[in-house]
Amino acid sequence: LMCCVFCIFTVFVSSSQG
């Protein structure tokens, strides 16, 4: 589960930063 959460968080941050 942690992996999934981490992946989603990374994608969210990446998208936010552009």
PDB file of N, CA and C in Angstrom:
ATOM      1  N   LEU A   1       0.852  -1.205   0.000  1.00  0.00           N
ATOM      2  CA  LEU A   1       0.000   0.000   0.000  1.00  0.00           C
ATOM      3  C   LEU A   1       0.884   1.250   0.000  1.00  0.00           C
ATOM      4  N   MET A   2       1.923   1.248   0.823  1.00  0.00           N
ATOM      5  CA  MET A   2       2.814   2.410   0.893  1.00  0.00           C
ATOM      6  C   MET A   2       3.359   2.777  -0.478  1.00  0.00           C
ATOM      7  N   CYS A   3       3.701   1.746  -1.257  1.00  0.00           N
ATOM      8  CA  CYS A   3       4.244   1.992  -2.592  1.00  0.00           C
ATOM      9  C   CYS A   3       3.223   2.745  -3.429  1.00  0.00           C
ATOM     10  N   CYS A   4       1.995   2.269  -3.402  1.00  0.00           N
ATOM     11  CA  CYS A   4       0.937   2.917  -4.194  1.00  0.00           C
ATOM     12  C   CYS A   4       0.767   4.369  -3.762  1.00  0.00           C
ATOM     13  N   VAL A   5       0.689   4.578  -2.448  1.00  0.00           N
ATOM     14  CA  VAL A   5       0.514   5.930  -1.911  1.00  0.00           C
ATOM     15  C   VAL A   5       1.674   6.813  -2.335  1.00  0.00           C
ATOM     16  N   PHE A   6       2.901   6.265  -2.228  1.00  0.00           N
ATOM     17  CA  PHE A   6       4.097   7.035  -2.589  1.00  0.00           C
ATOM     18  C   PHE A   6       4.063   7.401  -4.064  1.00  0.00           C
ATOM     19  N   CYS A   7       3.662   6.409  -4.914  1.00  0.00           N
ATOM     20  CA  CYS A   7       3.591   6.655  -6.363  1.00  0.00           C
ATOM     21  C   CYS A   7       2.582   7.759  -6.659  1.00  0.00           C
ATOM     22  N   ILE A   8       1.417   7.668  -6.048  1.00  0.00           N
ATOM     23  CA  ILE A   8       0.366   8.666  -6.272  1.00  0.00           C
ATOM     24  C   ILE A   8       0.850  10.042  -5.806  1.00  0.00           C
ATOM     25  N   PHE A   9       1.515  10.078  -4.634  1.00  0.00           N
ATOM     26  CA  PHE A   9       2.013  11.342  -4.096  1.00  0.00           C
ATOM     27  C   PHE A   9       3.036  11.959  -5.040  1.00  0.00           C
ATOM     28  N   THR A  10       3.934  11.106  -5.557  1.00  0.00           N
ATOM     29  CA  THR A  10       4.971  11.589  -6.475  1.00  0.00           C
ATOM     30  C   THR A  10       4.336  12.165  -7.735  1.00  0.00           C
ATOM     31  N   VAL A  11       3.351  11.461  -8.292  1.00  0.00           N
ATOM     32  CA  VAL A  11       2.679  11.922  -9.506  1.00  0.00           C
ATOM     33  C   VAL A  11       1.961  13.241  -9.225  1.00  0.00           C
ATOM     34  N   PHE A  12       1.309  13.332  -8.048  1.00  0.00           N
ATOM     35  CA  PHE A  12       0.585  14.549  -7.689  1.00  0.00           C
ATOM     36  C   PHE A  12       1.539  15.737  -7.591  1.00  0.00           C
ATOM     37  N   VAL A  13       2.661  15.548  -6.912  1.00  0.00           N
ATOM     38  CA  VAL A  13       3.651  16.615  -6.748  1.00  0.00           C
ATOM     39  C   VAL A  13       4.222  17.002  -8.108  1.00  0.00           C
ATOM     40  N   SER A  14       4.533  15.997  -8.921  1.00  0.00           N
ATOM     41  CA  SER A  14       5.104  16.259 -10.240  1.00  0.00           C
ATOM     42  C   SER A  14       4.122  17.076 -11.079  1.00  0.00           C
ATOM     43  N   SER A  15       2.836  16.697 -11.018  1.00  0.00           N
ATOM     44  CA  SER A  15       1.823  17.403 -11.796  1.00  0.00           C
ATOM     45  C   SER A  15       1.667  18.833 -11.269  1.00  0.00           C
ATOM     46  N   SER A  16       1.719  18.975  -9.947  1.00  0.00           N
ATOM     47  CA  SER A  16       1.559  20.291  -9.341  1.00  0.00           C
ATOM     48  C   SER A  16       2.700  21.213  -9.764  1.00  0.00           C
ATOM     49  N   GLN A  17       3.930  20.670  -9.766  1.00  0.00           N
ATOM     50  CA  GLN A  17       5.089  21.461 -10.157  1.00  0.00           C
ATOM     51  C   GLN A  17       5.079  21.726 -11.659  1.00  0.00           C
ATOM     52  N   GLY A  18       4.421  20.851 -12.387  1.00  0.00           N
ATOM     53  CA  GLY A  18       4.347  21.014 -13.835  1.00  0.00           C
ATOM     54  C   GLY A  18       5.470  20.256 -14.491  1.00  0.00           C
TER      55      GLY A  18
END
